Amino acid sequence: DTNLYEFVRPDGQPLPPFTPGAHIDVHLPNGIVRQYSLVLPAHGPALSYTLGVKRDPASRGGSRYVHDE
């Protein structure tokens, strides 16, 4: 019920560095904005961000959309 999603820049350049426990805003195509924790630490420049998203049975649209779409 939890999926990992990895985000990278299309041009392959590093992403801004982050510290453990950092969150990012994810803007979904359905207009919802949700905050998710970065789950893997960056060792040096961050080439990707990895999020863990648990499908919430009481979802108001965020986790359901991420899992289904």
N, C-alpha and C. Protein backbone atom coordinates (compact mmCIF):
# COMPACT_ATOMS: atom_id res chain seq x y z
N ASP A 1 0.80 -1.20 0.00
CA ASP A 1 0.00 0.00 0.00
C ASP A 1 0.85 1.27 0.00
N THR A 2 2.17 1.11 -0.03
CA THR A 2 3.07 2.26 -0.14
C THR A 2 3.94 2.09 -1.38
N ASN A 3 3.98 3.10 -2.19
CA ASN A 3 4.82 3.10 -3.40
C ASN A 3 5.91 4.15 -3.26
N LEU A 4 7.05 3.88 -3.87
CA LEU A 4 8.13 4.85 -3.96
C LEU A 4 8.10 5.49 -5.33
N TYR A 5 8.33 6.80 -5.37
CA TYR A 5 8.35 7.56 -6.62
C TYR A 5 9.64 8.35 -6.66
N GLU A 6 10.36 8.25 -7.76
CA GLU A 6 11.63 8.96 -7.91
C GLU A 6 11.46 10.07 -8.95
N PHE A 7 11.91 11.26 -8.59
CA PHE A 7 11.82 12.42 -9.46
C PHE A 7 13.23 12.89 -9.83
N VAL A 8 13.43 13.15 -11.11
CA VAL A 8 14.70 13.68 -11.61
C VAL A 8 14.42 14.86 -12.52
N ARG A 9 15.41 15.71 -12.69
CA ARG A 9 15.26 16.80 -13.65
C ARG A 9 15.38 16.24 -15.06
N PRO A 10 14.58 16.72 -16.01
CA PRO A 10 14.66 16.23 -17.39
C PRO A 10 16.04 16.45 -18.01
N ASP A 11 16.74 17.50 -17.58
CA ASP A 11 18.05 17.79 -18.17
C ASP A 11 19.19 17.06 -17.45
N GLY A 12 18.87 16.27 -16.41
CA GLY A 12 19.87 15.49 -15.70
C GLY A 12 20.71 16.27 -14.70
N GLN A 13 20.46 17.56 -14.55
CA GLN A 13 21.21 18.38 -13.60
C GLN A 13 20.78 18.07 -12.17
N PRO A 14 21.66 18.36 -11.20
CA PRO A 14 21.30 18.10 -9.80
C PRO A 14 20.12 18.95 -9.34
N LEU A 15 19.39 18.41 -8.40
CA LEU A 15 18.31 19.12 -7.73
C LEU A 15 18.88 19.86 -6.52
N PRO A 16 18.15 20.81 -5.97
CA PRO A 16 18.65 21.49 -4.77
C PRO A 16 18.91 20.49 -3.64
N PRO A 17 19.97 20.70 -2.86
CA PRO A 17 20.26 19.78 -1.75
C PRO A 17 19.17 19.86 -0.69
N PHE A 18 19.09 18.82 0.12
CA PHE A 18 18.09 18.79 1.18
C PHE A 18 18.67 18.11 2.41
N THR A 19 17.99 18.31 3.52
CA THR A 19 18.41 17.68 4.78
C THR A 19 17.39 16.62 5.16
N PRO A 20 17.78 15.66 6.00
CA PRO A 20 16.83 14.62 6.43
C PRO A 20 15.56 15.24 7.01
N GLY A 21 14.43 14.66 6.66
CA GLY A 21 13.14 15.15 7.13
C GLY A 21 12.54 16.24 6.26
N ALA A 22 13.25 16.63 5.20
CA ALA A 22 12.73 17.68 4.33
C ALA A 22 11.46 17.21 3.61
N HIS A 23 10.62 18.17 3.30
CA HIS A 23 9.38 17.92 2.57
C HIS A 23 9.40 18.73 1.28
N ILE A 24 8.68 18.24 0.28
CA ILE A 24 8.48 19.01 -0.94
C ILE A 24 6.98 19.05 -1.23
N ASP A 25 6.57 20.10 -1.91
CA ASP A 25 5.19 20.21 -2.38
C ASP A 25 5.08 19.52 -3.73
N VAL A 26 4.10 18.64 -3.86
CA VAL A 26 3.83 17.97 -5.12
C VAL A 26 2.53 18.54 -5.66
N HIS A 27 2.62 19.16 -6.84
CA HIS A 27 1.46 19.76 -7.50
C HIS A 27 0.92 18.72 -8.49
N LEU A 28 -0.24 18.17 -8.18
CA LEU A 28 -0.83 17.11 -9.01
C LEU A 28 -1.65 17.72 -10.14
N PRO A 29 -1.77 17.01 -11.27
CA PRO A 29 -2.54 17.52 -12.41
C PRO A 29 -4.01 17.80 -12.10
N ASN A 30 -4.55 17.20 -11.03
CA ASN A 30 -5.95 17.45 -10.69
C ASN A 30 -6.12 18.70 -9.84
N GLY A 31 -5.02 19.47 -9.66
CA GLY A 31 -5.08 20.73 -8.93
C GLY A 31 -4.77 20.63 -7.45
N ILE A 32 -4.62 19.43 -6.93
CA ILE A 32 -4.31 19.23 -5.51
C ILE A 32 -2.81 19.41 -5.28
N VAL A 33 -2.45 20.03 -4.17
CA VAL A 33 -1.06 20.15 -3.75
C VAL A 33 -0.92 19.39 -2.43
N ARG A 34 0.04 18.49 -2.38
CA ARG A 34 0.28 17.72 -1.16
C ARG A 34 1.77 17.78 -0.82
N GLN A 35 2.07 17.69 0.47
CA GLN A 35 3.45 17.69 0.94
C GLN A 35 3.86 16.24 1.24
N TYR A 36 5.05 15.89 0.75
CA TYR A 36 5.58 14.55 1.00
C TYR A 36 7.01 14.66 1.49
N SER A 37 7.41 13.72 2.34
CA SER A 37 8.77 13.67 2.87
C SER A 37 9.70 13.01 1.87
N LEU A 38 10.91 13.54 1.79
CA LEU A 38 11.95 12.88 1.00
C LEU A 38 12.47 11.73 1.84
N VAL A 39 12.53 10.54 1.25
CA VAL A 39 12.81 9.35 2.05
C VAL A 39 14.23 8.81 1.92
N LEU A 40 14.97 9.22 0.93
CA LEU A 40 16.35 8.74 0.80
C LEU A 40 17.29 9.93 0.91
N PRO A 41 18.30 9.80 1.76
CA PRO A 41 19.22 10.94 1.93
C PRO A 41 20.06 11.16 0.68
N ALA A 42 20.41 12.41 0.45
CA ALA A 42 21.30 12.75 -0.65
C ALA A 42 22.73 12.62 -0.16
N HIS A 43 23.53 11.91 -0.90
CA HIS A 43 24.97 11.81 -0.61
C HIS A 43 25.66 12.61 -1.69
N GLY A 44 25.97 13.85 -1.39
CA GLY A 44 26.51 14.75 -2.40
C GLY A 44 25.35 15.43 -3.11
N PRO A 45 25.57 15.86 -4.36
CA PRO A 45 24.48 16.53 -5.09
C PRO A 45 23.27 15.60 -5.25
N ALA A 46 22.09 16.16 -5.08
CA ALA A 46 20.86 15.36 -5.20
C ALA A 46 20.52 15.21 -6.68
N LEU A 47 20.71 14.01 -7.21
CA LEU A 47 20.36 13.76 -8.61
C LEU A 47 18.91 13.35 -8.75
N SER A 48 18.30 12.95 -7.62
CA SER A 48 16.88 12.60 -7.64
C SER A 48 16.31 12.81 -6.25
N TYR A 49 14.99 12.92 -6.20
CA TYR A 49 14.24 12.96 -4.96
C TYR A 49 13.37 11.71 -4.96
N THR A 50 13.33 11.00 -3.83
CA THR A 50 12.47 9.82 -3.72
C THR A 50 11.44 10.07 -2.62
N LEU A 51 10.18 9.81 -2.97
CA LEU A 51 9.07 9.97 -2.03
C LEU A 51 8.42 8.63 -1.80
N GLY A 52 7.96 8.40 -0.59
CA GLY A 52 7.12 7.24 -0.30
C GLY A 52 5.70 7.74 -0.08
N VAL A 53 4.76 7.17 -0.84
CA VAL A 53 3.37 7.61 -0.73
C VAL A 53 2.51 6.40 -0.36
N LYS A 54 1.93 6.46 0.83
CA LYS A 54 1.04 5.40 1.28
C LYS A 54 -0.38 5.72 0.82
N ARG A 55 -1.03 4.72 0.26
CA ARG A 55 -2.42 4.91 -0.16
C ARG A 55 -3.29 4.96 1.09
N ASP A 56 -3.97 6.08 1.26
CA ASP A 56 -4.81 6.31 2.44
C ASP A 56 -6.25 6.00 2.07
N PRO A 57 -6.89 5.04 2.77
CA PRO A 57 -8.28 4.72 2.45
C PRO A 57 -9.22 5.92 2.63
N ALA A 58 -8.84 6.88 3.46
CA ALA A 58 -9.65 8.08 3.68
C ALA A 58 -9.11 9.26 2.87
N SER A 59 -8.39 8.96 1.78
CA SER A 59 -7.76 10.00 0.96
C SER A 59 -8.77 11.04 0.49
N ARG A 60 -8.34 12.29 0.53
CA ARG A 60 -9.16 13.38 -0.01
C ARG A 60 -8.77 13.66 -1.45
N GLY A 61 -7.96 12.77 -2.03
CA GLY A 61 -7.61 12.91 -3.43
C GLY A 61 -6.13 12.83 -3.73
N GLY A 62 -5.26 13.10 -2.76
CA GLY A 62 -3.83 13.12 -3.00
C GLY A 62 -3.24 11.74 -3.22
N SER A 63 -3.24 10.91 -2.19
CA SER A 63 -2.62 9.58 -2.33
C SER A 63 -3.39 8.72 -3.32
N ARG A 64 -4.70 8.85 -3.35
CA ARG A 64 -5.49 8.08 -4.33
C ARG A 64 -5.08 8.44 -5.75
N TYR A 65 -4.96 9.73 -6.02
CA TYR A 65 -4.57 10.17 -7.36
C TYR A 65 -3.18 9.67 -7.73
N VAL A 66 -2.22 9.82 -6.79
CA VAL A 66 -0.85 9.39 -7.07
C VAL A 66 -0.81 7.89 -7.38
N HIS A 67 -1.54 7.09 -6.63
CA HIS A 67 -1.52 5.64 -6.84
C HIS A 67 -2.28 5.23 -8.12
N ASP A 68 -3.39 5.89 -8.40
CA ASP A 68 -4.23 5.46 -9.52
C ASP A 68 -3.83 6.05 -10.85
N GLU A 69 -3.28 7.23 -10.85
CA GLU A 69 -2.99 7.92 -12.10
C GLU A 69 -1.54 7.90 -12.45
